[in-house]
N, C-alpha and C. Protein backbone atom coordinates (compact mmCIF):
# COMPACT_ATOMS: atom_id res chain seq x y z
N MET A 1 71.98 -3.69 20.22
CA MET A 1 71.87 -4.64 21.09
C MET A 1 70.57 -5.02 22.34
N ALA A 2 70.48 -6.29 22.47
CA ALA A 2 69.34 -6.61 23.26
C ALA A 2 70.12 -5.57 24.64
N ASN A 3 68.78 -4.98 25.53
CA ASN A 3 68.52 -4.62 26.99
C ASN A 3 67.54 -5.46 27.49
N LEU A 4 67.22 -6.08 27.16
CA LEU A 4 66.37 -6.96 28.52
C LEU A 4 67.05 -8.05 29.03
N PRO A 5 67.24 -8.28 30.42
CA PRO A 5 68.00 -9.49 31.15
C PRO A 5 67.42 -10.64 30.93
N VAL A 6 67.93 -11.71 30.95
CA VAL A 6 67.72 -12.75 30.07
C VAL A 6 68.50 -14.00 31.16
N SER A 7 67.17 -14.78 31.50
CA SER A 7 67.54 -16.20 32.31
C SER A 7 67.40 -17.27 31.53
N VAL A 8 68.45 -18.16 30.77
CA VAL A 8 68.22 -19.11 30.29
C VAL A 8 68.54 -20.18 30.96
N LEU A 9 67.38 -21.28 31.32
CA LEU A 9 66.58 -22.45 31.69
C LEU A 9 66.95 -23.31 31.06
N ILE A 10 67.77 -24.47 31.59
CA ILE A 10 68.41 -25.44 30.43
C ILE A 10 67.57 -27.26 31.59
N ASP A 11 67.25 -27.43 31.19
CA ASP A 11 66.42 -28.23 32.35
C ASP A 11 67.56 -29.81 31.46
N THR A 12 67.49 -30.77 32.09
CA THR A 12 68.41 -32.41 31.96
C THR A 12 68.15 -33.30 32.39
N TYR A 13 68.15 -34.50 32.20
CA TYR A 13 68.59 -35.90 33.15
C TYR A 13 69.20 -37.09 32.03
N ASN A 14 70.25 -37.21 32.19
CA ASN A 14 71.19 -38.30 31.68
C ASN A 14 71.13 -37.75 30.56
N HIS A 15 71.63 -36.45 30.00
CA HIS A 15 72.30 -35.74 28.80
C HIS A 15 73.80 -35.96 29.02
N GLU A 16 74.52 -36.96 29.35
CA GLU A 16 75.75 -36.79 29.16
C GLU A 16 76.47 -36.67 27.93
N ARG A 17 76.19 -37.14 26.83
CA ARG A 17 76.16 -37.33 25.91
C ARG A 17 76.01 -36.08 24.89
N PHE A 18 75.12 -34.99 25.63
CA PHE A 18 74.31 -34.13 24.74
C PHE A 18 75.08 -32.56 25.38
N ILE A 19 74.86 -32.65 27.35
CA ILE A 19 74.48 -31.33 27.70
C ILE A 19 75.93 -30.47 27.22
N GLU A 20 77.40 -30.56 26.97
CA GLU A 20 78.37 -29.44 26.99
C GLU A 20 78.30 -29.02 26.02
N LYS A 21 77.37 -29.34 24.79
CA LYS A 21 77.21 -28.85 23.35
C LYS A 21 75.94 -28.04 23.43
N ALA A 22 75.05 -28.34 24.77
CA ALA A 22 73.87 -27.16 24.75
C ALA A 22 74.14 -26.40 25.91
N VAL A 23 75.44 -26.63 26.23
CA VAL A 23 75.57 -25.22 27.46
C VAL A 23 76.28 -24.71 26.72
N SER A 24 77.62 -25.14 25.90
CA SER A 24 78.24 -23.97 24.91
C SER A 24 77.52 -23.30 24.23
N SER A 25 76.47 -23.89 23.80
CA SER A 25 75.84 -22.83 22.56
C SER A 25 75.63 -21.74 23.45
N VAL A 26 75.13 -21.75 24.65
CA VAL A 26 74.42 -20.54 24.99
C VAL A 26 75.82 -19.64 25.43
N LEU A 27 76.35 -19.99 25.77
CA LEU A 27 77.62 -19.61 26.54
C LEU A 27 78.23 -18.43 25.66
N GLU A 28 78.15 -19.30 23.80
CA GLU A 28 79.16 -18.72 22.58
C GLU A 28 77.67 -17.67 21.99
N GLN A 29 76.92 -17.65 22.40
CA GLN A 29 75.41 -16.45 22.03
C GLN A 29 76.23 -15.19 22.03
N ASP A 30 75.87 -14.40 20.90
CA ASP A 30 76.49 -13.01 20.66
C ASP A 30 75.53 -12.00 21.54
N PHE A 31 75.45 -12.31 22.92
CA PHE A 31 74.70 -11.57 23.50
C PHE A 31 75.18 -10.81 24.93
N PRO A 32 75.34 -9.81 25.14
CA PRO A 32 76.34 -9.62 26.72
C PRO A 32 76.22 -10.72 28.07
N ALA A 33 76.97 -11.39 28.30
CA ALA A 33 76.83 -12.03 29.34
C ALA A 33 76.31 -11.41 30.79
N SER A 34 76.94 -10.09 31.14
CA SER A 34 76.32 -9.13 31.61
C SER A 34 74.64 -8.90 32.07
N ALA A 35 74.18 -9.22 30.37
CA ALA A 35 72.49 -9.38 30.63
C ALA A 35 71.92 -11.05 30.94
N ARG A 36 73.08 -11.89 31.29
CA ARG A 36 72.86 -12.60 30.53
C ARG A 36 73.00 -14.04 32.19
N GLU A 37 71.85 -14.64 32.30
CA GLU A 37 72.56 -16.24 33.52
C GLU A 37 72.07 -17.42 32.89
N VAL A 38 72.88 -17.90 33.02
CA VAL A 38 72.22 -19.79 32.63
C VAL A 38 72.05 -20.58 33.72
N ILE A 39 71.15 -21.22 34.18
CA ILE A 39 70.78 -22.20 34.94
C ILE A 39 70.51 -23.69 34.42
N VAL A 40 70.78 -24.66 34.97
CA VAL A 40 70.73 -25.71 34.49
C VAL A 40 69.96 -26.58 35.76
N ILE A 41 68.86 -27.18 35.48
CA ILE A 41 68.30 -27.96 36.54
C ILE A 41 68.54 -29.45 35.90
N ASP A 42 69.40 -30.01 36.78
CA ASP A 42 69.39 -31.49 36.60
C ASP A 42 68.28 -31.98 37.37
N ASP A 43 67.85 -32.96 36.88
CA ASP A 43 66.72 -33.81 36.95
C ASP A 43 66.63 -35.17 37.68
N GLY A 44 67.96 -35.08 38.53
CA GLY A 44 68.08 -36.36 39.30
C GLY A 44 69.13 -37.55 38.31
N SER A 45 69.75 -37.03 37.31
CA SER A 45 70.75 -37.65 36.91
C SER A 45 71.86 -38.42 37.40
N THR A 46 71.91 -39.56 36.91
CA THR A 46 72.50 -40.57 37.49
C THR A 46 73.72 -41.46 36.45
N ASP A 47 73.88 -40.34 35.27
CA ASP A 47 75.28 -40.09 34.57
C ASP A 47 76.54 -39.12 35.23
N SER A 48 77.06 -38.82 34.47
CA SER A 48 77.96 -37.89 34.77
C SER A 48 77.88 -36.35 33.75
N THR A 49 76.35 -35.94 34.16
CA THR A 49 76.25 -34.89 33.65
C THR A 49 76.45 -34.08 34.85
N PRO A 50 76.13 -34.19 36.52
CA PRO A 50 76.73 -33.12 37.12
C PRO A 50 77.90 -32.73 36.73
N GLU A 51 79.17 -33.41 36.97
CA GLU A 51 80.39 -33.54 36.78
C GLU A 51 80.56 -32.58 35.35
N ILE A 52 79.54 -32.70 34.43
CA ILE A 52 80.25 -32.05 33.06
C ILE A 52 79.81 -30.55 32.98
N VAL A 53 78.47 -30.73 34.26
CA VAL A 53 78.07 -29.02 34.28
C VAL A 53 78.76 -28.20 35.05
N ARG A 54 79.35 -29.06 35.74
CA ARG A 54 80.02 -28.11 36.41
C ARG A 54 81.83 -27.89 36.03
N LYS A 55 81.76 -28.27 35.07
CA LYS A 55 82.75 -27.45 33.99
C LYS A 55 83.09 -25.81 34.18
N PHE A 56 81.27 -25.82 33.99
CA PHE A 56 81.08 -24.38 33.16
C PHE A 56 80.90 -23.59 34.42
N GLU A 57 80.76 -23.96 35.38
CA GLU A 57 80.48 -22.82 36.57
C GLU A 57 81.63 -21.84 36.88
N PRO A 58 81.88 -20.77 36.96
CA PRO A 58 80.37 -19.72 37.33
C PRO A 58 79.79 -19.32 36.76
N GLN A 59 79.93 -19.59 35.44
CA GLN A 59 79.20 -19.17 34.15
C GLN A 59 77.85 -19.69 34.12
N VAL A 60 77.75 -20.96 34.99
CA VAL A 60 76.66 -21.43 35.42
C VAL A 60 76.19 -21.71 36.45
N ARG A 61 74.96 -21.40 36.82
CA ARG A 61 74.61 -21.84 38.03
C ARG A 61 74.08 -23.16 37.60
N TYR A 62 74.14 -24.07 38.44
CA TYR A 62 73.77 -25.70 38.77
C TYR A 62 73.24 -26.11 39.64
N LEU A 63 71.59 -26.52 39.27
CA LEU A 63 71.01 -27.04 40.50
C LEU A 63 70.39 -28.30 40.50
N ARG A 64 69.92 -28.82 41.33
CA ARG A 64 69.78 -30.63 41.11
C ARG A 64 68.72 -30.54 42.43
N LYS A 65 67.48 -31.82 41.43
CA LYS A 65 66.64 -32.13 41.87
C LYS A 65 66.48 -33.96 42.09
N SER A 66 65.34 -34.23 42.85
CA SER A 66 65.06 -35.29 42.34
C SER A 66 64.08 -35.20 41.26
N ASN A 67 64.23 -36.82 40.67
CA ASN A 67 63.83 -37.12 39.39
C ASN A 67 62.36 -37.03 39.71
N GLY A 68 61.56 -36.04 38.69
CA GLY A 68 60.02 -35.99 38.41
C GLY A 68 59.92 -35.49 37.22
N GLY A 69 60.66 -35.48 36.00
CA GLY A 69 60.40 -35.16 34.59
C GLY A 69 60.49 -33.54 34.43
N GLN A 70 60.36 -33.80 33.30
CA GLN A 70 60.94 -32.51 32.93
C GLN A 70 60.25 -30.77 32.88
N ALA A 71 58.78 -31.43 33.24
CA ALA A 71 58.15 -30.04 33.85
C ALA A 71 58.59 -29.54 35.01
N SER A 72 58.61 -30.92 35.68
CA SER A 72 59.03 -30.70 37.44
C SER A 72 60.24 -29.68 37.46
N ALA A 73 61.30 -30.18 36.07
CA ALA A 73 62.35 -29.68 36.07
C ALA A 73 62.45 -27.88 36.04
N PHE A 74 61.66 -27.69 35.30
CA PHE A 74 61.40 -26.25 34.39
C PHE A 74 60.56 -25.27 35.59
N ASN A 75 59.34 -26.03 36.23
CA ASN A 75 59.23 -25.74 37.18
C ASN A 75 59.83 -25.41 38.48
N ALA A 76 60.48 -26.17 38.65
CA ALA A 76 61.62 -25.87 39.89
C ALA A 76 63.12 -25.02 39.77
N GLY A 77 63.19 -24.48 38.55
CA GLY A 77 63.88 -23.66 37.94
C GLY A 77 63.32 -22.50 37.31
N ILE A 78 62.18 -22.23 37.33
CA ILE A 78 61.57 -20.77 36.89
C ILE A 78 61.51 -20.14 38.46
N PRO A 79 61.32 -20.35 39.27
CA PRO A 79 61.28 -19.13 40.67
C PRO A 79 62.83 -18.79 40.77
N GLU A 80 64.35 -19.79 40.20
CA GLU A 80 65.51 -19.50 40.42
C GLU A 80 65.92 -18.24 39.58
N CYS A 81 65.09 -17.50 38.82
CA CYS A 81 64.79 -17.06 37.36
C CYS A 81 65.46 -15.37 37.88
N ASN A 82 66.11 -14.25 37.33
CA ASN A 82 66.40 -13.58 37.45
C ASN A 82 66.10 -12.45 36.88
N GLY A 83 65.65 -12.75 35.25
CA GLY A 83 65.68 -11.96 34.28
C GLY A 83 64.18 -11.63 33.47
N GLU A 84 64.35 -10.53 32.83
CA GLU A 84 62.97 -10.12 32.67
C GLU A 84 62.38 -11.33 31.94
N VAL A 85 62.69 -11.79 30.80
CA VAL A 85 62.88 -12.80 29.67
C VAL A 85 63.25 -14.37 30.48
N ILE A 86 62.72 -15.48 29.93
CA ILE A 86 63.32 -16.51 30.51
C ILE A 86 62.93 -17.33 28.72
N ALA A 87 64.10 -18.08 29.00
CA ALA A 87 64.32 -18.98 27.62
C ALA A 87 64.83 -19.89 27.85
N PHE A 88 63.95 -21.24 27.19
CA PHE A 88 64.25 -22.78 27.66
C PHE A 88 65.06 -23.30 26.69
N LEU A 89 65.95 -24.21 27.23
CA LEU A 89 66.54 -25.25 26.36
C LEU A 89 66.75 -26.65 26.90
N ASP A 90 66.13 -27.60 26.01
CA ASP A 90 66.46 -28.85 26.17
C ASP A 90 67.95 -29.27 26.37
N GLY A 91 68.13 -30.28 27.69
CA GLY A 91 69.61 -30.44 27.30
C GLY A 91 70.34 -31.38 26.91
N ASP A 92 69.26 -32.33 25.70
CA ASP A 92 69.77 -32.73 24.41
C ASP A 92 69.74 -31.67 23.03
N ASP A 93 69.65 -30.74 23.39
CA ASP A 93 69.28 -29.81 22.09
C ASP A 93 70.65 -28.36 22.35
N TYR A 94 70.65 -27.62 21.39
CA TYR A 94 71.57 -26.95 21.54
C TYR A 94 70.77 -25.47 20.56
N TRP A 95 71.66 -24.65 20.50
CA TRP A 95 70.84 -23.11 19.85
C TRP A 95 71.78 -23.01 19.19
N MET A 96 71.31 -22.43 18.24
CA MET A 96 72.43 -21.86 16.48
C MET A 96 72.82 -20.51 17.20
N PRO A 97 73.75 -19.97 16.62
CA PRO A 97 74.51 -18.44 16.64
C PRO A 97 73.69 -17.86 16.52
N GLY A 98 73.08 -16.38 17.34
CA GLY A 98 72.25 -15.47 17.00
C GLY A 98 70.83 -15.55 17.73
N LYS A 99 70.58 -16.60 17.84
CA LYS A 99 69.12 -17.20 18.79
C LYS A 99 68.95 -16.29 19.20
N LEU A 100 69.74 -16.05 20.69
CA LEU A 100 68.84 -15.85 21.40
C LEU A 100 68.79 -13.89 21.61
N SER A 101 69.66 -13.13 20.93
CA SER A 101 69.48 -12.12 20.33
C SER A 101 68.44 -11.57 19.42
N ARG A 102 68.52 -12.62 18.75
CA ARG A 102 67.33 -12.15 17.55
C ARG A 102 65.60 -12.74 18.01
N VAL A 103 65.82 -13.53 19.14
CA VAL A 103 64.43 -13.91 20.03
C VAL A 103 64.18 -12.25 20.49
N VAL A 104 65.56 -11.67 21.32
CA VAL A 104 65.29 -10.91 22.20
C VAL A 104 64.75 -9.67 21.47
N ASP A 105 65.53 -9.30 20.57
CA ASP A 105 65.07 -8.41 19.39
C ASP A 105 63.49 -8.08 19.09
N VAL A 106 62.78 -9.12 18.97
CA VAL A 106 61.69 -9.33 18.30
C VAL A 106 60.96 -9.04 19.56
N LEU A 107 61.19 -9.53 20.68
CA LEU A 107 60.44 -8.97 22.11
C LEU A 107 60.52 -7.57 22.63
N GLU A 108 61.55 -7.15 22.42
CA GLU A 108 62.10 -5.61 22.35
C GLU A 108 60.75 -4.82 21.49
N LYS A 109 60.82 -4.81 20.15
CA LYS A 109 60.39 -4.65 19.71
C LYS A 109 58.94 -4.72 19.34
N LYS A 110 57.91 -5.72 19.82
CA LYS A 110 56.67 -5.64 19.86
C LYS A 110 56.02 -5.94 21.49
N SER A 111 55.81 -4.86 21.95
CA SER A 111 55.56 -4.59 23.48
C SER A 111 54.72 -5.60 23.82
N ASN A 112 53.61 -6.38 23.00
CA ASN A 112 52.77 -7.16 23.06
C ASN A 112 53.41 -8.26 23.25
N GLY A 113 54.39 -8.83 22.89
CA GLY A 113 55.59 -10.39 22.54
C GLY A 113 55.21 -10.65 23.87
N ARG A 114 54.41 -11.59 24.50
CA ARG A 114 55.05 -12.79 25.56
C ARG A 114 55.55 -13.95 25.29
N ILE A 115 55.78 -14.72 23.61
CA ILE A 115 56.02 -15.54 23.64
C ILE A 115 56.73 -15.63 22.50
N VAL A 116 58.30 -16.09 21.97
CA VAL A 116 58.79 -15.84 21.02
C VAL A 116 59.05 -17.19 20.40
N GLY A 117 58.71 -17.40 18.97
CA GLY A 117 59.14 -19.24 18.56
C GLY A 117 59.37 -18.96 16.91
N PRO A 118 59.82 -19.80 16.40
CA PRO A 118 60.09 -20.16 14.79
C PRO A 118 59.03 -20.08 13.94
N ARG A 119 58.82 -19.70 12.89
CA ARG A 119 57.58 -20.28 12.05
C ARG A 119 58.02 -19.62 10.89
N ASN A 120 58.31 -20.51 10.23
CA ASN A 120 58.43 -20.59 8.85
C ASN A 120 60.12 -19.89 8.85
N GLN A 121 61.09 -20.34 9.80
CA GLN A 121 62.31 -19.80 9.15
C GLN A 121 61.91 -17.77 10.08
N GLY A 122 60.98 -17.44 10.70
CA GLY A 122 60.47 -16.32 10.75
C GLY A 122 60.55 -16.45 12.54
N MET A 123 60.04 -15.17 12.76
CA MET A 123 60.16 -14.94 14.01
C MET A 123 58.57 -14.82 14.76
N PHE A 124 57.81 -14.88 14.95
CA PHE A 124 56.40 -14.55 15.54
C PHE A 124 56.14 -14.43 17.53
N CYS A 125 55.69 -13.64 17.48
CA CYS A 125 55.16 -12.97 18.74
C CYS A 125 53.39 -13.29 19.04
């Protein structure tokens, strides 16, 4: 099993229809909760996104900022991360089961790996 601590950074803006599934898909990963932190950066949502995300506290840390766009949300969140690995997820998306363990396993096996992503249903570094 993975040994690298991971920070999962989820950006969101008015994703009330999707954010619960996004957060749940991370919390349900087959990855130790003790080696994972989940941070949701809200880019100034005006819908019920904040209330939905707060239902997941304390498993999820919720941070809010003024609207500035997706990149500004990730830029605000990165300094808040404590993990050796930062995994990104958009608030209107979700992860399939096993995704986080698979990515971390690839990173652990390839010491030169810095970015991991899908390629033809495999993983590349």
